[in-house]
Protein backbone atom coordinates (compact mmCIF):
# COMPACT_ATOMS: atom_id res chain seq x y z
CA MET A 1 -0.14 -0.03 0.14
CA SER A 2 1.86 3.66 -0.93
CA ASN A 3 1.53 6.27 1.40
CA CYS A 4 -1.00 7.79 -0.62
CA ASP A 5 -3.07 4.88 -0.10
CA PHE A 6 -3.01 4.61 3.56
CA MET A 7 -3.70 7.95 4.03
CA PHE A 8 -6.87 7.98 2.28
CA SER A 9 -7.66 4.99 3.93
CA LYS A 10 -7.42 6.36 6.95
CA ALA A 11 -8.86 9.83 6.35
CA ALA A 12 -12.15 7.80 4.99
CA ILE A 13 -12.54 5.22 8.16
CA THR A 14 -12.13 8.42 10.07
CA ARG A 15 -15.18 10.65 7.90
CA PHE A 16 -17.43 7.56 7.72
CA SER A 17 -16.85 6.80 11.61
CA HIS A 18 -17.45 10.58 12.49
CA ASP A 19 -21.20 10.44 10.37
CA LEU A 20 -22.18 7.60 11.55
CA ALA A 21 -21.30 7.61 15.56
CA GLY A 22 -23.72 9.95 16.85
CA VAL A 23 -26.60 8.43 14.86
CA ILE A 24 -25.52 4.74 16.58
CA GLY A 25 -24.85 6.42 19.42
CA ALA A 26 -28.59 8.03 19.68
CA VAL A 27 -29.82 4.60 18.65
CA SER A 28 -28.45 3.21 21.28
CA SER A 29 -29.34 5.68 23.71
CA SER A 30 -33.15 5.56 22.71
CA LEU A 31 -33.14 1.77 22.97
CA SER A 32 -31.18 2.19 26.59
CA LEU A 33 -34.08 4.36 27.75
CA LEU A 34 -36.87 2.03 25.94
CA SER A 35 -35.32 -0.62 28.80
CA GLU A 36 -35.29 1.77 31.73
CA LEU A 37 -39.24 2.79 31.22
CA GLY A 38 -40.00 -1.05 30.86
CA GLY A 39 -41.61 -0.78 27.68
CA ALA A 40 -42.42 0.95 24.41
CA ASP A 41 -42.58 4.45 24.74
CA LYS A 42 -43.93 5.99 21.93
CA GLU A 43 -41.81 9.09 21.64
CA THR A 44 -38.45 6.77 22.58
CA LEU A 45 -39.73 4.56 20.10
CA ASP A 46 -40.33 7.16 17.39
CA LEU A 47 -36.36 8.73 18.03
CA ALA A 48 -35.26 4.90 17.86
CA VAL A 49 -36.57 4.10 14.60
CA ASN A 50 -35.62 7.74 13.18
CA ASN A 51 -32.17 7.48 14.04
CA ALA A 52 -32.25 4.09 12.53
CA ASP A 53 -33.50 5.00 9.64
CA ILE A 54 -30.67 8.06 9.44
CA LEU A 55 -28.46 5.46 9.91
CA MET A 56 -29.65 3.10 6.92
CA GLY A 57 -29.65 5.78 4.50
CA ARG A 58 -26.15 7.15 5.27
CA LEU A 59 -24.89 3.47 5.71
CA ARG A 60 -26.61 2.77 1.94
CA PHE A 61 -24.93 5.78 0.53
CA PHE A 62 -21.71 5.41 1.54
CA ARG A 63 -22.01 1.61 -0.24
CA ALA A 64 -22.75 3.23 -3.07
CA ALA A 65 -21.05 6.29 -3.41
CA PHE A 66 -17.65 4.66 -1.89
CA GLY A 67 -18.07 1.07 -2.64
CA ASN A 68 -18.46 -1.51 -5.40
CA GLU A 69 -20.85 -0.19 -8.26
CA GLY A 70 -23.11 -3.14 -7.98
CA PRO A 71 -26.37 -0.96 -5.89
CA LEU A 72 -26.11 1.76 -9.16
CA SER A 73 -28.21 -0.18 -11.08
CA ASN A 74 -30.37 2.53 -12.72
CA ILE A 75 -30.73 6.37 -12.27
CA SER A 76 -33.96 5.32 -10.04
CA VAL A 77 -31.79 3.90 -8.23
CA THR A 78 -29.09 6.95 -7.42
CA GLN A 79 -32.14 9.00 -6.87
CA LYS A 80 -33.47 7.51 -4.29
CA LEU A 81 -30.09 6.91 -2.70
CA LEU A 82 -29.36 10.63 -2.76
CA GLU A 83 -32.80 11.89 -1.84
CA ASP A 84 -32.44 9.60 0.86
CA TYR A 85 -28.93 10.37 2.27
CA LEU A 86 -29.70 13.99 1.95
CA SER A 87 -32.77 13.67 4.37
CA THR A 88 -30.56 12.59 7.05
CA LEU A 89 -28.71 15.67 6.87
CA GLU A 90 -32.03 17.54 7.32
CA ASN A 91 -32.91 19.16 10.59
CA GLN A 92 -35.49 21.80 11.66
CA VAL A 93 -33.26 24.60 10.04
CA VAL A 94 -31.74 22.52 6.89
CA HIS A 95 -33.88 21.12 4.46
CA PHE A 96 -33.27 19.88 1.08
CA ASP A 97 -35.19 20.01 -2.24
CA CYS A 98 -34.21 18.06 -5.44
CA ALA A 99 -34.60 18.81 -9.01
CA TRP A 100 -33.41 16.10 -11.47
CA GLN A 101 -33.15 16.19 -15.14
CA THR A 102 -32.05 12.81 -16.14
CA ASP A 103 -32.56 10.25 -18.49
CA GLN A 104 -32.78 6.10 -17.77
CA GLU A 105 -30.11 5.58 -20.59
CA LEU A 106 -27.38 7.48 -18.93
CA PRO A 107 -23.88 5.28 -18.64
CA ILE A 108 -23.36 3.12 -15.41
CA PHE A 109 -20.58 5.23 -13.94
CA PHE A 110 -22.34 8.58 -14.30
CA PHE A 111 -24.30 7.04 -11.13
CA ARG A 112 -21.41 7.14 -8.95
CA LEU A 113 -20.13 10.89 -9.75
CA ILE A 114 -23.84 12.18 -9.34
CA LEU A 115 -23.68 10.67 -5.64
CA LEU A 116 -20.54 12.39 -4.95
CA VAL A 117 -20.95 15.68 -6.78
CA GLY A 118 -24.45 15.90 -4.38
CA GLN A 119 -23.25 15.24 -1.34
CA ILE A 120 -20.77 17.86 -2.44
CA ALA A 121 -23.31 20.16 -3.12
CA ALA A 122 -25.37 19.45 -0.18
CA GLU A 123 -22.21 20.02 1.99
CA SER A 124 -21.39 23.70 0.11
CA LEU A 125 -25.17 24.09 1.35
CA THR A 126 -24.75 24.82 5.30
CA ARG A 127 -28.28 26.05 5.42
CA GLY A 128 -30.40 23.76 2.91
CA GLY A 129 -31.52 24.47 0.04
CA ARG A 130 -31.91 23.60 -3.53
CA ILE A 131 -30.18 20.68 -6.13
CA ASP A 132 -30.51 20.54 -9.41
CA ILE A 133 -29.29 17.47 -11.28
CA THR A 134 -29.20 17.70 -14.93
CA ALA A 135 -27.45 14.39 -17.36
CA ARG A 136 -28.45 13.61 -20.62
CA ALA A 137 -28.05 10.43 -22.38
CA GLY A 138 -25.40 11.28 -24.93
CA GLU A 139 -24.11 14.29 -23.57
CA LYS A 140 -21.08 13.83 -21.89
CA GLN A 141 -21.26 16.10 -18.95
CA ILE A 142 -23.14 16.57 -15.51
CA SER A 143 -24.37 19.38 -13.72
CA VAL A 144 -25.16 20.15 -10.42
CA LYS A 145 -26.19 23.35 -8.78
CA ALA A 146 -26.29 23.85 -5.40
CA LYS A 147 -28.34 27.01 -4.86
CA GLY A 148 -29.12 28.63 -1.19
CA LYS A 149 -28.77 31.44 1.10
CA THR A 150 -25.71 30.40 2.57
CA ILE A 151 -23.22 28.62 0.69
CA SER A 152 -19.41 27.87 1.68
CA TRP A 153 -16.94 26.55 -0.35
CA ASN A 154 -13.33 27.51 -0.67
CA PRO A 155 -11.73 27.14 -4.01
CA ASP A 156 -8.37 27.19 -3.03
CA GLU A 157 -8.87 24.84 -0.78
CA HIS A 158 -10.15 21.73 -3.30
CA ASN A 159 -8.19 23.49 -5.64
CA LEU A 160 -4.90 22.50 -3.94
CA LEU A 161 -6.21 19.55 -3.11
CA THR A 162 -3.47 16.63 -2.84
CA ASP A 163 -2.59 13.40 -2.06
CA GLU A 164 -0.90 14.72 0.70
CA ASN A 165 -3.62 16.92 2.51
CA VAL A 166 -6.43 14.86 2.23
CA SER A 167 -8.69 14.90 5.47
CA PRO A 168 -11.62 13.37 5.98
CA LYS A 169 -13.40 16.87 5.52
CA ASN A 170 -12.57 17.03 1.65
CA ILE A 171 -12.94 12.94 1.30
CA PRO A 172 -15.58 12.90 -1.21
CA ILE A 173 -14.45 15.61 -3.43
CA PHE A 174 -11.08 13.93 -3.16
CA PHE A 175 -12.46 10.50 -4.27
CA LEU A 176 -14.45 12.21 -6.74
CA LYS A 177 -11.71 13.58 -8.37
CA LYS A 178 -9.83 10.17 -8.74
CA CYS A 179 -13.13 8.55 -10.38
CA LEU A 180 -13.07 12.01 -12.33
CA THR A 181 -9.37 11.43 -13.10
CA GLU A 182 -9.85 7.20 -13.82
CA LYS A 183 -12.34 8.40 -16.80
CA ASN A 184 -10.33 11.38 -18.58
CA TRP A 185 -13.09 13.62 -17.05
CA GLN A 186 -12.80 16.68 -15.26
CA MET A 187 -14.86 19.32 -12.87
CA SER A 188 -15.17 23.13 -13.15
CA VAL A 189 -16.93 25.24 -10.31
CA SER A 190 -18.54 28.60 -10.84
CA PHE A 191 -20.62 30.92 -9.19
CA GLU A 192 -24.40 32.49 -10.44
CA SER A 193 -26.32 34.68 -7.79
CA GLU A 194 -27.09 32.49 -5.22
CA SER A 195 -25.89 29.11 -6.73
CA LEU A 196 -22.37 27.28 -6.94
CA ILE A 197 -22.35 25.39 -10.57
CA PHE A 198 -20.65 22.27 -10.70
CA LEU A 199 -19.64 20.91 -14.37
CA LEU A 200 -18.22 17.34 -15.05
CA SER A 201 -17.61 16.43 -18.57
CA GLU A 202 -14.82 14.64 -20.41
CA ASN A 203 -11.30 15.94 -20.91
CA HIS A 204 -11.34 17.54 -24.39
């Protein structure tokens, strides 16, 4: 294993553990409380079920986005995986809406790219917002627009990302860049009004 692979593995495990640990802890606490109460209190049971759903939504997303491509069989599955994942990030303040302009006849490798750039777009919308995904059959590009009142994006942080400075926070964009390089694709990012636009396309 190269030093780059080792650093990526450590950062990835740290990131996934962080994203899942809080949810697992909440499920565990809810179940412990149920045990202490000696029965299924509705409010506590609902809390446990909700956190279990969040846990499964994130696990399914991570498996599809960062693991084997088996679960990514079509755009409908990809859409559900992304929307289920976004719902796990929501709370009283943060909410996401998705709009899809996609065709059924997309290449399979598009699906992982859509999940990864969708995750990155969501993380840039610190108070939630709207995510528009456009991918048409026969067009060698994917466009994702993140629109919201509060956008967090540091171009230097991502443009200067290398094998040596990968961290848990930037795992999604680091992995996306590796996937793009593998397919001889590139990504550009631009601002337009209150929107951050990610354009993934084939190198010419």
